[in-house]
Amino acid sequence: MLIAKLYTETRDNLPRLVARHFSGATLYSATGLYGGLQERATIIEIVDDDTAGIRASVTALAQDICHANAQTCVIVVLQMADGRLDRYDVTAPALTPLQTRHTLETETVF
């Protein structure tokens, strides 16, 4: 089993974006800080038994959120059943409609 959490700013389109990739998820309202300023935030939590396929689906969801909401980054945390945590940021550089390049930085914490 694996638990994925995505940290993003709150937007009305989040349930629709999540439903493109997952049939079930929980969205929590939170307060975030960015650049020292307070903002409304949403934590998207997904629990899945398919540990092999979830990283690609979660990354695709994070990229969709970045593009749809003009965000520079969505933070992703994966928690494995054995307690390991894997955290990575999905960033979306300024893209023209024809560009499809995405940047993915990974940091694994044990």
Protein backbone atom coordinates (compact mmCIF):
# COMPACT_ATOMS: atom_id res chain seq x y z
CA MET A 1 0.00 0.00 0.00
CA LEU A 2 1.09 3.54 -0.70
CA ILE A 3 -0.23 6.95 0.39
CA ALA A 4 0.39 9.89 -1.93
CA LYS A 5 -0.11 13.51 -0.84
CA LEU A 6 0.01 16.49 -3.17
CA TYR A 7 0.29 19.99 -1.71
CA THR A 8 -1.14 22.77 -3.88
CA GLU A 9 -2.99 26.05 -3.72
CA THR A 10 -6.78 25.85 -3.56
CA ARG A 11 -8.65 26.14 -6.86
CA ASP A 12 -12.19 25.16 -7.85
CA ASN A 13 -10.95 22.86 -10.64
CA LEU A 14 -9.03 20.47 -8.35
CA PRO A 15 -11.76 17.79 -8.01
CA ARG A 16 -12.09 17.64 -11.81
CA LEU A 17 -8.32 17.42 -12.31
CA VAL A 18 -8.00 14.66 -9.69
CA ALA A 19 -10.87 12.68 -11.26
CA ARG A 20 -8.96 12.55 -14.58
CA HIS A 21 -6.31 10.38 -12.92
CA PHE A 22 -7.94 8.66 -9.91
CA SER A 23 -11.38 7.26 -9.11
CA GLY A 24 -11.04 8.19 -5.44
CA ALA A 25 -9.15 10.72 -3.33
CA THR A 26 -9.58 12.96 -0.31
CA LEU A 27 -9.08 16.73 -0.56
CA TYR A 28 -8.25 18.58 2.67
CA SER A 29 -8.43 22.36 3.10
CA ALA A 30 -5.37 23.92 4.72
CA THR A 31 -3.55 27.20 5.16
CA GLY A 32 -0.21 27.50 3.40
CA LEU A 33 2.60 30.01 3.37
CA TYR A 34 4.39 30.97 0.16
CA GLY A 35 6.92 33.75 0.03
CA GLY A 36 5.94 34.68 3.56
CA LEU A 37 2.32 35.25 2.55
CA GLN A 38 -0.62 33.19 3.72
CA GLU A 39 -2.70 31.38 1.08
CA ARG A 40 -5.50 28.85 0.92
CA ALA A 41 -4.05 25.41 0.24
CA THR A 42 -5.37 21.95 -0.56
CA ILE A 43 -3.80 18.61 0.32
CA ILE A 44 -4.85 15.81 -2.03
CA GLU A 45 -4.49 12.34 -0.49
CA ILE A 46 -4.62 9.14 -2.54
CA VAL A 47 -4.31 5.63 -1.09
CA ASP A 48 -3.54 2.86 -3.58
CA ASP A 49 -2.31 -0.74 -3.67
CA ASP A 50 -0.68 -0.26 -7.09
CA THR A 51 2.66 1.04 -5.86
CA ALA A 52 4.27 0.49 -9.27
CA GLY A 53 1.88 2.71 -11.21
CA ILE A 54 1.00 5.40 -8.71
CA ARG A 55 4.16 7.53 -9.12
CA ALA A 56 3.48 8.10 -12.83
CA SER A 57 -0.20 8.88 -12.20
CA VAL A 58 0.58 11.23 -9.31
CA THR A 59 3.27 13.00 -11.35
CA ALA A 60 0.84 13.41 -14.27
CA LEU A 61 -1.77 14.86 -11.89
CA ALA A 62 0.78 17.29 -10.41
CA GLN A 63 1.79 18.41 -13.91
CA ASP A 64 -1.87 18.94 -14.85
CA ILE A 65 -2.37 21.06 -11.72
CA CYS A 66 0.74 23.13 -12.52
CA HIS A 67 -0.42 23.82 -16.06
CA ALA A 68 -4.13 24.36 -15.36
CA ASN A 69 -3.49 26.69 -12.42
CA ALA A 70 -0.31 28.43 -13.61
CA GLN A 71 1.63 27.12 -10.60
CA THR A 72 5.38 26.80 -10.60
CA CYS A 73 5.40 23.75 -8.31
CA VAL A 74 3.28 21.06 -6.66
CA ILE A 75 4.92 19.17 -3.78
CA VAL A 76 4.40 15.39 -3.78
CA VAL A 77 5.05 13.08 -0.80
CA LEU A 78 4.78 9.30 -1.15
CA GLN A 79 4.63 7.15 1.98
CA MET A 80 5.28 3.45 1.47
CA ALA A 81 3.78 0.73 3.67
CA ASP A 82 7.21 0.07 5.22
CA GLY A 83 7.37 3.67 6.45
CA ARG A 84 9.79 5.10 3.84
CA LEU A 85 8.99 8.58 2.56
CA ASP A 86 9.73 9.82 -0.95
CA ARG A 87 9.30 13.56 -1.57
CA TYR A 88 9.62 15.32 -4.90
CA ASP A 89 8.58 18.61 -6.47
CA VAL A 90 6.88 18.69 -9.83
CA THR A 91 7.59 21.98 -11.54
CA ALA A 92 6.15 23.45 -14.68
CA PRO A 93 8.39 25.98 -16.43
CA ALA A 94 6.75 28.63 -18.60
CA LEU A 95 5.53 26.65 -21.59
CA THR A 96 4.30 27.67 -24.99
CA PRO A 97 1.42 25.55 -26.33
CA LEU A 98 3.84 23.42 -28.39
CA GLN A 99 6.27 22.63 -25.55
CA THR A 100 5.84 19.46 -23.52
CA ARG A 101 9.04 19.42 -21.40
CA HIS A 102 8.60 18.93 -17.65
CA THR A 103 11.17 19.05 -14.86
CA LEU A 104 11.13 16.50 -12.04
CA GLU A 105 13.46 16.73 -9.06
CA THR A 106 13.58 13.81 -6.62
CA GLU A 107 14.75 13.59 -3.03
CA THR A 108 14.35 10.33 -1.11
CA VAL A 109 14.28 10.43 2.68
CA PHE A 110 14.72 7.26 4.76
